[in-house]
Amino acid sequence: MPLPNSDDRPYTPKNPRNLNRQQYERLTAEIAAPYRPLRQLVYVACGASGFIGGLVFLAQIASGREIGSALPNFALQVGVVALMVFLFRLEQRAEARSPKSK
């Protein structure tokens, strides 16, 4: 005779406070990945900042002014943009693997 809490039956979490199914799924997705939209916003903002900085340093390199200091700064800005694109794509893949929130 199986016990009431045995692993023979699937675990179905109880829906607290009688939330509708859509609200409950959205909350469980937020529990699985808290602050995901905020992180994505930070990635976009930092990527945009790096892109604008890259344009500034690219213009400085193109004009021939202070190339010695502009070139490492331009490389840093390109690295920032590449890192933000990587992190944003990583976040998107994680969101695709997680349960749907919509």
PDB file of N, CA and C in Angstrom:
ATOM      1  N   MET A   1       0.843  -1.172   0.000  1.00  0.00           N
ATOM      2  CA  MET A   1       0.000   0.000   0.000  1.00  0.00           C
ATOM      3  C   MET A   1       0.891   1.239   0.000  1.00  0.00           C
ATOM      4  N   PRO A   2       0.763   2.088  -1.028  1.00  0.00           N
ATOM      5  CA  PRO A   2       1.617   3.271  -1.084  1.00  0.00           C
ATOM      6  C   PRO A   2       1.208   4.310  -0.052  1.00  0.00           C
ATOM      7  N   LEU A   3       2.192   5.004   0.409  1.00  0.00           N
ATOM      8  CA  LEU A   3       1.949   6.078   1.364  1.00  0.00           C
ATOM      9  C   LEU A   3       1.393   7.304   0.643  1.00  0.00           C
ATOM     10  N   PRO A   4       0.686   8.161   1.328  1.00  0.00           N
ATOM     11  CA  PRO A   4       0.109   9.343   0.677  1.00  0.00           C
ATOM     12  C   PRO A   4       1.148  10.257   0.037  1.00  0.00           C
ATOM     13  N   ASN A   5       2.341  10.299   0.555  1.00  0.00           N
ATOM     14  CA  ASN A   5       3.375  11.179   0.019  1.00  0.00           C
ATOM     15  C   ASN A   5       4.447  10.429  -0.763  1.00  0.00           C
ATOM     16  N   SER A   6       4.105   9.283  -1.297  1.00  0.00           N
ATOM     17  CA  SER A   6       5.095   8.504  -2.033  1.00  0.00           C
ATOM     18  C   SER A   6       5.341   9.136  -3.398  1.00  0.00           C
ATOM     19  N   ASP A   7       6.388   8.688  -4.067  1.00  0.00           N
ATOM     20  CA  ASP A   7       6.749   9.234  -5.369  1.00  0.00           C
ATOM     21  C   ASP A   7       5.990   8.572  -6.505  1.00  0.00           C
ATOM     22  N   ASP A   8       4.995   7.758  -6.213  1.00  0.00           N
ATOM     23  CA  ASP A   8       4.238   7.080  -7.260  1.00  0.00           C
ATOM     24  C   ASP A   8       3.348   8.034  -8.045  1.00  0.00           C
ATOM     25  N   ARG A   9       2.919   9.079  -7.457  1.00  0.00           N
ATOM     26  CA  ARG A   9       2.051  10.029  -8.150  1.00  0.00           C
ATOM     27  C   ARG A   9       2.789  11.354  -8.340  1.00  0.00           C
ATOM     28  N   PRO A  10       2.487  12.042  -9.395  1.00  0.00           N
ATOM     29  CA  PRO A  10       3.190  13.315  -9.646  1.00  0.00           C
ATOM     30  C   PRO A  10       2.780  14.371  -8.635  1.00  0.00           C
ATOM     31  N   TYR A  11       3.723  15.221  -8.343  1.00  0.00           N
ATOM     32  CA  TYR A  11       3.476  16.320  -7.412  1.00  0.00           C
ATOM     33  C   TYR A  11       2.790  17.450  -8.159  1.00  0.00           C
ATOM     34  N   THR A  12       1.666  17.850  -7.675  1.00  0.00           N
ATOM     35  CA  THR A  12       0.960  18.992  -8.258  1.00  0.00           C
ATOM     36  C   THR A  12       0.856  20.058  -7.176  1.00  0.00           C
ATOM     37  N   PRO A  13       1.534  21.180  -7.365  1.00  0.00           N
ATOM     38  CA  PRO A  13       1.475  22.232  -6.345  1.00  0.00           C
ATOM     39  C   PRO A  13       0.072  22.809  -6.247  1.00  0.00           C
ATOM     40  N   LYS A  14      -0.270  23.156  -5.043  1.00  0.00           N
ATOM     41  CA  LYS A  14      -1.591  23.744  -4.824  1.00  0.00           C
ATOM     42  C   LYS A  14      -1.562  25.211  -5.224  1.00  0.00           C
ATOM     43  N   ASN A  15      -2.654  25.667  -5.733  1.00  0.00           N
ATOM     44  CA  ASN A  15      -2.786  27.034  -6.190  1.00  0.00           C
ATOM     45  C   ASN A  15      -3.243  27.900  -5.018  1.00  0.00           C
ATOM     46  N   PRO A  16      -2.334  28.673  -4.417  1.00  0.00           N
ATOM     47  CA  PRO A  16      -2.732  29.491  -3.266  1.00  0.00           C
ATOM     48  C   PRO A  16      -3.590  30.677  -3.691  1.00  0.00           C
ATOM     49  N   ARG A  17      -4.468  31.037  -2.828  1.00  0.00           N
ATOM     50  CA  ARG A  17      -5.327  32.222  -2.989  1.00  0.00           C
ATOM     51  C   ARG A  17      -6.154  32.183  -4.270  1.00  0.00           C
ATOM     52  N   ASN A  18      -6.396  31.023  -4.786  1.00  0.00           N
ATOM     53  CA  ASN A  18      -7.263  30.843  -5.958  1.00  0.00           C
ATOM     54  C   ASN A  18      -6.889  31.755  -7.126  1.00  0.00           C
ATOM     55  N   LEU A  19      -5.609  31.797  -7.450  1.00  0.00           N
ATOM     56  CA  LEU A  19      -5.156  32.553  -8.610  1.00  0.00           C
ATOM     57  C   LEU A  19      -5.570  31.820  -9.879  1.00  0.00           C
ATOM     58  N   ASN A  20      -5.813  32.584 -10.941  1.00  0.00           N
ATOM     59  CA  ASN A  20      -6.110  31.888 -12.184  1.00  0.00           C
ATOM     60  C   ASN A  20      -4.829  31.280 -12.726  1.00  0.00           C
ATOM     61  N   ARG A  21      -4.952  30.392 -13.683  1.00  0.00           N
ATOM     62  CA  ARG A  21      -3.815  29.613 -14.174  1.00  0.00           C
ATOM     63  C   ARG A  21      -2.716  30.504 -14.766  1.00  0.00           C
ATOM     64  N   GLN A  22      -3.111  31.530 -15.498  1.00  0.00           N
ATOM     65  CA  GLN A  22      -2.138  32.412 -16.137  1.00  0.00           C
ATOM     66  C   GLN A  22      -1.320  33.167 -15.084  1.00  0.00           C
ATOM     67  N   GLN A  23      -1.975  33.679 -14.066  1.00  0.00           N
ATOM     68  CA  GLN A  23      -1.262  34.392 -13.007  1.00  0.00           C
ATOM     69  C   GLN A  23      -0.324  33.457 -12.262  1.00  0.00           C
ATOM     70  N   TYR A  24      -0.779  32.254 -12.003  1.00  0.00           N
ATOM     71  CA  TYR A  24       0.040  31.289 -11.276  1.00  0.00           C
ATOM     72  C   TYR A  24       1.289  30.911 -12.082  1.00  0.00           C
ATOM     73  N   GLU A  25       1.134  30.699 -13.383  1.00  0.00           N
ATOM     74  CA  GLU A  25       2.278  30.358 -14.234  1.00  0.00           C
ATOM     75  C   GLU A  25       3.272  31.516 -14.304  1.00  0.00           C
ATOM     76  N   ARG A  26       2.755  32.745 -14.391  1.00  0.00           N
ATOM     77  CA  ARG A  26       3.639  33.909 -14.428  1.00  0.00           C
ATOM     78  C   ARG A  26       4.433  34.032 -13.127  1.00  0.00           C
ATOM     79  N   LEU A  27       3.791  33.801 -11.999  1.00  0.00           N
ATOM     80  CA  LEU A  27       4.471  33.885 -10.708  1.00  0.00           C
ATOM     81  C   LEU A  27       5.509  32.778 -10.547  1.00  0.00           C
ATOM     82  N   THR A  28       5.192  31.572 -10.981  1.00  0.00           N
ATOM     83  CA  THR A  28       6.181  30.499 -10.871  1.00  0.00           C
ATOM     84  C   THR A  28       7.362  30.747 -11.802  1.00  0.00           C
ATOM     85  N   ALA A  29       7.141  31.345 -12.977  1.00  0.00           N
ATOM     86  CA  ALA A  29       8.250  31.695 -13.871  1.00  0.00           C
ATOM     87  C   ALA A  29       9.111  32.782 -13.242  1.00  0.00           C
ATOM     88  N   GLU A  30       8.511  33.726 -12.547  1.00  0.00           N
ATOM     89  CA  GLU A  30       9.262  34.790 -11.878  1.00  0.00           C
ATOM     90  C   GLU A  30      10.068  34.220 -10.711  1.00  0.00           C
ATOM     91  N   ILE A  31       9.551  33.218 -10.053  1.00  0.00           N
ATOM     92  CA  ILE A  31      10.297  32.575  -8.972  1.00  0.00           C
ATOM     93  C   ILE A  31      11.505  31.848  -9.536  1.00  0.00           C
ATOM     94  N   ALA A  32      11.341  31.232 -10.689  1.00  0.00           N
ATOM     95  CA  ALA A  32      12.449  30.488 -11.306  1.00  0.00           C
ATOM     96  C   ALA A  32      13.558  31.426 -11.771  1.00  0.00           C
ATOM     97  N   ALA A  33      13.221  32.612 -12.225  1.00  0.00           N
ATOM     98  CA  ALA A  33      14.221  33.567 -12.719  1.00  0.00           C
ATOM     99  C   ALA A  33      13.838  34.977 -12.288  1.00  0.00           C
ATOM    100  N   PRO A  34      14.159  35.336 -11.039  1.00  0.00           N
ATOM    101  CA  PRO A  34      13.773  36.661 -10.572  1.00  0.00           C
ATOM    102  C   PRO A  34      14.538  37.776 -11.285  1.00  0.00           C
ATOM    103  N   TYR A  35      13.880  38.853 -11.525  1.00  0.00           N
ATOM    104  CA  TYR A  35      14.457  40.069 -12.113  1.00  0.00           C
ATOM    105  C   TYR A  35      14.993  39.874 -13.529  1.00  0.00           C
ATOM    106  N   ARG A  36      14.501  38.888 -14.267  1.00  0.00           N
ATOM    107  CA  ARG A  36      14.985  38.680 -15.638  1.00  0.00           C
ATOM    108  C   ARG A  36      14.736  39.905 -16.515  1.00  0.00           C
ATOM    109  N   PRO A  37      13.543  40.504 -16.500  1.00  0.00           N
ATOM    110  CA  PRO A  37      13.344  41.696 -17.340  1.00  0.00           C
ATOM    111  C   PRO A  37      14.263  42.855 -16.950  1.00  0.00           C
ATOM    112  N   LEU A  38      14.527  43.000 -15.666  1.00  0.00           N
ATOM    113  CA  LEU A  38      15.422  44.071 -15.220  1.00  0.00           C
ATOM    114  C   LEU A  38      16.845  43.823 -15.714  1.00  0.00           C
ATOM    115  N   ARG A  39      17.290  42.568 -15.622  1.00  0.00           N
ATOM    116  CA  ARG A  39      18.628  42.241 -16.128  1.00  0.00           C
ATOM    117  C   ARG A  39      18.721  42.507 -17.623  1.00  0.00           C
ATOM    118  N   GLN A  40      17.694  42.141 -18.366  1.00  0.00           N
ATOM    119  CA  GLN A  40      17.709  42.381 -19.811  1.00  0.00           C
ATOM    120  C   GLN A  40      17.749  43.873 -20.113  1.00  0.00           C
ATOM    121  N   LEU A  41      17.037  44.664 -19.341  1.00  0.00           N
ATOM    122  CA  LEU A  41      17.069  46.111 -19.523  1.00  0.00           C
ATOM    123  C   LEU A  41      18.468  46.667 -19.250  1.00  0.00           C
ATOM    124  N   VAL A  42      19.128  46.160 -18.218  1.00  0.00           N
ATOM    125  CA  VAL A  42      20.489  46.601 -17.914  1.00  0.00           C
ATOM    126  C   VAL A  42      21.429  46.216 -19.051  1.00  0.00           C
ATOM    127  N   TYR A  43      21.271  45.018 -19.615  1.00  0.00           N
ATOM    128  CA  TYR A  43      22.114  44.590 -20.733  1.00  0.00           C
ATOM    129  C   TYR A  43      21.918  45.496 -21.939  1.00  0.00           C
ATOM    130  N   VAL A  44      20.682  45.841 -22.230  1.00  0.00           N
ATOM    131  CA  VAL A  44      20.405  46.720 -23.373  1.00  0.00           C
ATOM    132  C   VAL A  44      20.980  48.113 -23.123  1.00  0.00           C
ATOM    133  N   ALA A  45      20.789  48.631 -21.917  1.00  0.00           N
ATOM    134  CA  ALA A  45      21.296  49.977 -21.607  1.00  0.00           C
ATOM    135  C   ALA A  45      22.820  50.028 -21.667  1.00  0.00           C
ATOM    136  N   CYS A  46      23.487  49.035 -21.102  1.00  0.00           N
ATOM    137  CA  CYS A  46      24.961  49.018 -21.141  1.00  0.00           C
ATOM    138  C   CYS A  46      25.465  48.785 -22.554  1.00  0.00           C
ATOM    139  N   GLY A  47      24.763  47.953 -23.326  1.00  0.00           N
ATOM    140  CA  GLY A  47      25.151  47.737 -24.714  1.00  0.00           C
ATOM    141  C   GLY A  47      24.997  49.005 -25.543  1.00  0.00           C
ATOM    142  N   ALA A  48      23.914  49.744 -25.316  1.00  0.00           N
ATOM    143  CA  ALA A  48      23.708  50.997 -26.042  1.00  0.00           C
ATOM    144  C   ALA A  48      24.769  52.022 -25.654  1.00  0.00           C
ATOM    145  N   SER A  49      25.120  52.067 -24.383  1.00  0.00           N
ATOM    146  CA  SER A  49      26.166  52.979 -23.927  1.00  0.00           C
ATOM    147  C   SER A  49      27.507  52.626 -24.562  1.00  0.00           C
ATOM    148  N   GLY A  50      27.815  51.350 -24.602  1.00  0.00           N
ATOM    149  CA  GLY A  50      29.051  50.916 -25.236  1.00  0.00           C
ATOM    150  C   GLY A  50      29.068  51.209 -26.723  1.00  0.00           C
ATOM    151  N   PHE A  51      27.912  51.073 -27.367  1.00  0.00           N
ATOM    152  CA  PHE A  51      27.818  51.362 -28.801  1.00  0.00           C
ATOM    153  C   PHE A  51      28.056  52.844 -29.071  1.00  0.00           C
ATOM    154  N   ILE A  52      27.443  53.699 -28.273  1.00  0.00           N
ATOM    155  CA  ILE A  52      27.633  55.144 -28.445  1.00  0.00           C
ATOM    156  C   ILE A  52      29.090  55.511 -28.165  1.00  0.00           C
ATOM    157  N   GLY A  53      29.666  54.947 -27.117  1.00  0.00           N
ATOM    158  CA  GLY A  53      31.072  55.201 -26.827  1.00  0.00           C
ATOM    159  C   GLY A  53      31.975  54.709 -27.941  1.00  0.00           C
ATOM    160  N   GLY A  54      31.633  53.566 -28.517  1.00  0.00           N
ATOM    161  CA  GLY A  54      32.405  53.046 -29.640  1.00  0.00           C
ATOM    162  C   GLY A  54      32.355  53.964 -30.840  1.00  0.00           C
ATOM    163  N   LEU A  55      31.183  54.531 -31.099  1.00  0.00           N
ATOM    164  CA  LEU A  55      31.067  55.485 -32.206  1.00  0.00           C
ATOM    165  C   LEU A  55      31.929  56.726 -31.962  1.00  0.00           C
ATOM    166  N   VAL A  56      31.945  57.196 -30.732  1.00  0.00           N
ATOM    167  CA  VAL A  56      32.743  58.373 -30.398  1.00  0.00           C
ATOM    168  C   VAL A  56      34.230  58.080 -30.614  1.00  0.00           C
ATOM    169  N   PHE A  57      34.689  56.942 -30.108  1.00  0.00           N
ATOM    170  CA  PHE A  57      36.107  56.623 -30.255  1.00  0.00           C
ATOM    171  C   PHE A  57      36.460  56.265 -31.694  1.00  0.00           C
ATOM    172  N   LEU A  58      35.521  55.681 -32.432  1.00  0.00           N
ATOM    173  CA  LEU A  58      35.766  55.402 -33.851  1.00  0.00           C
ATOM    174  C   LEU A  58      35.919  56.707 -34.623  1.00  0.00           C
ATOM    175  N   ALA A  59      35.089  57.687 -34.312  1.00  0.00           N
ATOM    176  CA  ALA A  59      35.216  58.993 -34.959  1.00  0.00           C
ATOM    177  C   ALA A  59      36.547  59.651 -34.593  1.00  0.00           C
ATOM    178  N   GLN A  60      36.961  59.479 -33.358  1.00  0.00           N
ATOM    179  CA  GLN A  60      38.238  60.043 -32.926  1.00  0.00           C
ATOM    180  C   GLN A  60      39.397  59.362 -33.658  1.00  0.00           C
ATOM    181  N   ILE A  61      39.305  58.058 -33.849  1.00  0.00           N
ATOM    182  CA  ILE A  61      40.347  57.334 -34.586  1.00  0.00           C
ATOM    183  C   ILE A  61      40.341  57.748 -36.048  1.00  0.00           C
ATOM    184  N   ALA A  62      39.149  57.884 -36.623  1.00  0.00           N
ATOM    185  CA  ALA A  62      39.041  58.267 -38.030  1.00  0.00           C
ATOM    186  C   ALA A  62      39.590  59.666 -38.275  1.00  0.00           C
ATOM    187  N   SER A  63      39.446  60.550 -37.309  1.00  0.00           N
ATOM    188  CA  SER A  63      39.960  61.915 -37.479  1.00  0.00           C
ATOM    189  C   SER A  63      41.466  61.990 -37.238  1.00  0.00           C
ATOM    190  N   GLY A  64      42.034  60.942 -36.629  1.00  0.00           N
ATOM    191  CA  GLY A  64      43.471  60.910 -36.408  1.00  0.00           C
ATOM    192  C   GLY A  64      43.916  61.600 -35.139  1.00  0.00           C
ATOM    193  N   ARG A  65      42.995  61.942 -34.270  1.00  0.00           N
ATOM    194  CA  ARG A  65      43.343  62.625 -33.020  1.00  0.00           C
ATOM    195  C   ARG A  65      43.576  61.611 -31.908  1.00  0.00           C
ATOM    196  N   GLU A  66      44.675  61.715 -31.233  1.00  0.00           N
ATOM    197  CA  GLU A  66      45.008  60.904 -30.060  1.00  0.00           C
ATOM    198  C   GLU A  66      44.712  59.419 -30.276  1.00  0.00           C
ATOM    199  N   ILE A  67      45.270  58.861 -31.313  1.00  0.00           N
ATOM    200  CA  ILE A  67      45.006  57.457 -31.650  1.00  0.00           C
ATOM    201  C   ILE A  67      45.540  56.526 -30.564  1.00  0.00           C
ATOM    202  N   GLY A  68      46.624  56.902 -29.935  1.00  0.00           N
ATOM    203  CA  GLY A  68      47.218  56.067 -28.888  1.00  0.00           C
ATOM    204  C   GLY A  68      46.289  55.817 -27.717  1.00  0.00           C
ATOM    205  N   SER A  69      45.480  56.779 -27.367  1.00  0.00           N
ATOM    206  CA  SER A  69      44.541  56.584 -26.257  1.00  0.00           C
ATOM    207  C   SER A  69      43.153  56.179 -26.742  1.00  0.00           C
ATOM    208  N   ALA A  70      42.823  56.535 -27.975  1.00  0.00           N
ATOM    209  CA  ALA A  70      41.492  56.223 -28.485  1.00  0.00           C
ATOM    210  C   ALA A  70      41.354  54.749 -28.869  1.00  0.00           C
ATOM    211  N   LEU A  71      42.423  54.137 -29.362  1.00  0.00           N
ATOM    212  CA  LEU A  71      42.347  52.749 -29.823  1.00  0.00           C
ATOM    213  C   LEU A  71      42.044  51.768 -28.683  1.00  0.00           C
ATOM    214  N   PRO A  72      42.738  51.841 -27.531  1.00  0.00           N
ATOM    215  CA  PRO A  72      42.363  50.936 -26.430  1.00  0.00           C
ATOM    216  C   PRO A  72      40.951  51.202 -25.899  1.00  0.00           C
ATOM    217  N   ASN A  73      40.553  52.449 -25.880  1.00  0.00           N
ATOM    218  CA  ASN A  73      39.199  52.770 -25.418  1.00  0.00           C
ATOM    219  C   ASN A  73      38.151  52.232 -26.386  1.00  0.00           C
ATOM    220  N   PHE A  74      38.432  52.319 -27.675  1.00  0.00           N
ATOM    221  CA  PHE A  74      37.515  51.765 -28.677  1.00  0.00           C
ATOM    222  C   PHE A  74      37.420  50.246 -28.506  1.00  0.00           C
ATOM    223  N   ALA A  75      38.551  49.582 -28.283  1.00  0.00           N
ATOM    224  CA  ALA A  75      38.545  48.132 -28.075  1.00  0.00           C
ATOM    225  C   ALA A  75      37.740  47.758 -26.831  1.00  0.00           C
ATOM    226  N   LEU A  76      37.855  48.558 -25.792  1.00  0.00           N
ATOM    227  CA  LEU A  76      37.080  48.317 -24.578  1.00  0.00           C
ATOM    228  C   LEU A  76      35.588  48.446 -24.851  1.00  0.00           C
ATOM    229  N   GLN A  77      35.189  49.462 -25.609  1.00  0.00           N
ATOM    230  CA  GLN A  77      33.776  49.659 -25.924  1.00  0.00           C
ATOM    231  C   GLN A  77      33.236  48.503 -26.768  1.00  0.00           C
ATOM    232  N   VAL A  78      34.034  48.025 -27.704  1.00  0.00           N
ATOM    233  CA  VAL A  78      33.625  46.873 -28.515  1.00  0.00           C
ATOM    234  C   VAL A  78      33.464  45.645 -27.619  1.00  0.00           C
ATOM    235  N   GLY A  79      34.376  45.481 -26.666  1.00  0.00           N
ATOM    236  CA  GLY A  79      34.267  44.373 -25.722  1.00  0.00           C
ATOM    237  C   GLY A  79      33.024  44.456 -24.857  1.00  0.00           C
ATOM    238  N   VAL A  80      32.676  45.661 -24.435  1.00  0.00           N
ATOM    239  CA  VAL A  80      31.465  45.856 -23.623  1.00  0.00           C
ATOM    240  C   VAL A  80      30.226  45.482 -24.432  1.00  0.00           C
ATOM    241  N   VAL A  81      30.176  45.931 -25.676  1.00  0.00           N
ATOM    242  CA  VAL A  81      29.023  45.611 -26.526  1.00  0.00           C
ATOM    243  C   VAL A  81      28.947  44.106 -26.751  1.00  0.00           C
ATOM    244  N   ALA A  82      30.086  43.468 -27.033  1.00  0.00           N
ATOM    245  CA  ALA A  82      30.095  42.018 -27.259  1.00  0.00           C
ATOM    246  C   ALA A  82      29.646  41.264 -26.010  1.00  0.00           C
ATOM    247  N   LEU A  83      30.091  41.708 -24.839  1.00  0.00           N
ATOM    248  CA  LEU A  83      29.687  41.066 -23.592  1.00  0.00           C
ATOM    249  C   LEU A  83      28.189  41.226 -23.346  1.00  0.00           C
ATOM    250  N   MET A  84      27.650  42.399 -23.597  1.00  0.00           N
ATOM    251  CA  MET A  84      26.226  42.623 -23.373  1.00  0.00           C
ATOM    252  C   MET A  84      25.376  41.803 -24.352  1.00  0.00           C
ATOM    253  N   VAL A  85      25.826  41.690 -25.593  1.00  0.00           N
ATOM    254  CA  VAL A  85      25.103  40.856 -26.563  1.00  0.00           C
ATOM    255  C   VAL A  85      25.129  39.404 -26.108  1.00  0.00           C
ATOM    256  N   PHE A  86      26.288  38.924 -25.653  1.00  0.00           N
ATOM    257  CA  PHE A  86      26.406  37.556 -25.166  1.00  0.00           C
ATOM    258  C   PHE A  86      25.479  37.311 -23.978  1.00  0.00           C
ATOM    259  N   LEU A  87      25.495  38.207 -22.998  1.00  0.00           N
ATOM    260  CA  LEU A  87      24.656  38.037 -21.810  1.00  0.00           C
ATOM    261  C   LEU A  87      23.174  38.110 -22.156  1.00  0.00           C
ATOM    262  N   PHE A  88      22.806  39.010 -23.069  1.00  0.00           N
ATOM    263  CA  PHE A  88      21.405  39.120 -23.460  1.00  0.00           C
ATOM    264  C   PHE A  88      20.949  37.841 -24.161  1.00  0.00           C
ATOM    265  N   ARG A  89      21.773  37.299 -25.053  1.00  0.00           N
ATOM    266  CA  ARG A  89      21.413  36.045 -25.733  1.00  0.00           C
ATOM    267  C   ARG A  89      21.341  34.881 -24.756  1.00  0.00           C
ATOM    268  N   LEU A  90      22.235  34.860 -23.782  1.00  0.00           N
ATOM    269  CA  LEU A  90      22.198  33.821 -22.757  1.00  0.00           C
ATOM    270  C   LEU A  90      20.893  33.896 -21.975  1.00  0.00           C
ATOM    271  N   GLU A  91      20.479  35.092 -21.655  1.00  0.00           N
ATOM    272  CA  GLU A  91      19.224  35.313 -20.943  1.00  0.00           C
ATOM    273  C   GLU A  91      18.031  34.872 -21.799  1.00  0.00           C
ATOM    274  N   GLN A  92      18.080  35.154 -23.097  1.00  0.00           N
ATOM    275  CA  GLN A  92      16.997  34.749 -24.000  1.00  0.00           C
ATOM    276  C   GLN A  92      16.903  33.228 -24.093  1.00  0.00           C
ATOM    277  N   ARG A  93      18.044  32.551 -24.167  1.00  0.00           N
ATOM    278  CA  ARG A  93      18.034  31.084 -24.218  1.00  0.00           C
ATOM    279  C   ARG A  93      17.475  30.500 -22.932  1.00  0.00           C
ATOM    280  N   ALA A  94      17.842  31.081 -21.804  1.00  0.00           N
ATOM    281  CA  ALA A  94      17.323  30.607 -20.520  1.00  0.00           C
ATOM    282  C   ALA A  94      15.825  30.822 -20.436  1.00  0.00           C
ATOM    283  N   GLU A  95      15.351  31.914 -20.988  1.00  0.00           N
ATOM    284  CA  GLU A  95      13.907  32.188 -20.984  1.00  0.00           C
ATOM    285  C   GLU A  95      13.168  31.209 -21.875  1.00  0.00           C
ATOM    286  N   ALA A  96      13.788  30.821 -22.989  1.00  0.00           N
ATOM    287  CA  ALA A  96      13.147  29.863 -23.889  1.00  0.00           C
ATOM    288  C   ALA A  96      13.070  28.478 -23.253  1.00  0.00           C
ATOM    289  N   ARG A  97      14.043  28.135 -22.420  1.00  0.00           N
ATOM    290  CA  ARG A  97      14.046  26.829 -21.751  1.00  0.00           C
ATOM    291  C   ARG A  97      13.087  26.783 -20.572  1.00  0.00           C
ATOM    292  N   SER A  98      12.851  27.915 -19.945  1.00  0.00           N
ATOM    293  CA  SER A  98      11.988  27.954 -18.772  1.00  0.00           C
ATOM    294  C   SER A  98      10.529  27.850 -19.195  1.00  0.00           C
ATOM    295  N   PRO A  99       9.648  27.541 -18.254  1.00  0.00           N
ATOM    296  CA  PRO A  99       8.219  27.474 -18.584  1.00  0.00           C
ATOM    297  C   PRO A  99       7.716  28.805 -19.101  1.00  0.00           C
ATOM    298  N   LYS A 100       6.783  28.752 -19.998  1.00  0.00           N
ATOM    299  CA  LYS A 100       6.232  29.964 -20.597  1.00  0.00           C
ATOM    300  C   LYS A 100       5.554  30.816 -19.530  1.00  0.00           C
ATOM    301  N   SER A 101       5.825  32.113 -19.612  1.00  0.00           N
ATOM    302  CA  SER A 101       5.211  33.035 -18.650  1.00  0.00           C
ATOM    303  C   SER A 101       4.018  33.760 -19.241  1.00  0.00           C
ATOM    304  N   LYS A 102       3.739  33.536 -20.511  1.00  0.00           N
ATOM    305  CA  LYS A 102       2.615  34.237 -21.128  1.00  0.00           C
ATOM    306  C   LYS A 102       1.558  33.284 -21.598  1.00  0.00           C
TER     307      LYS A 102
END
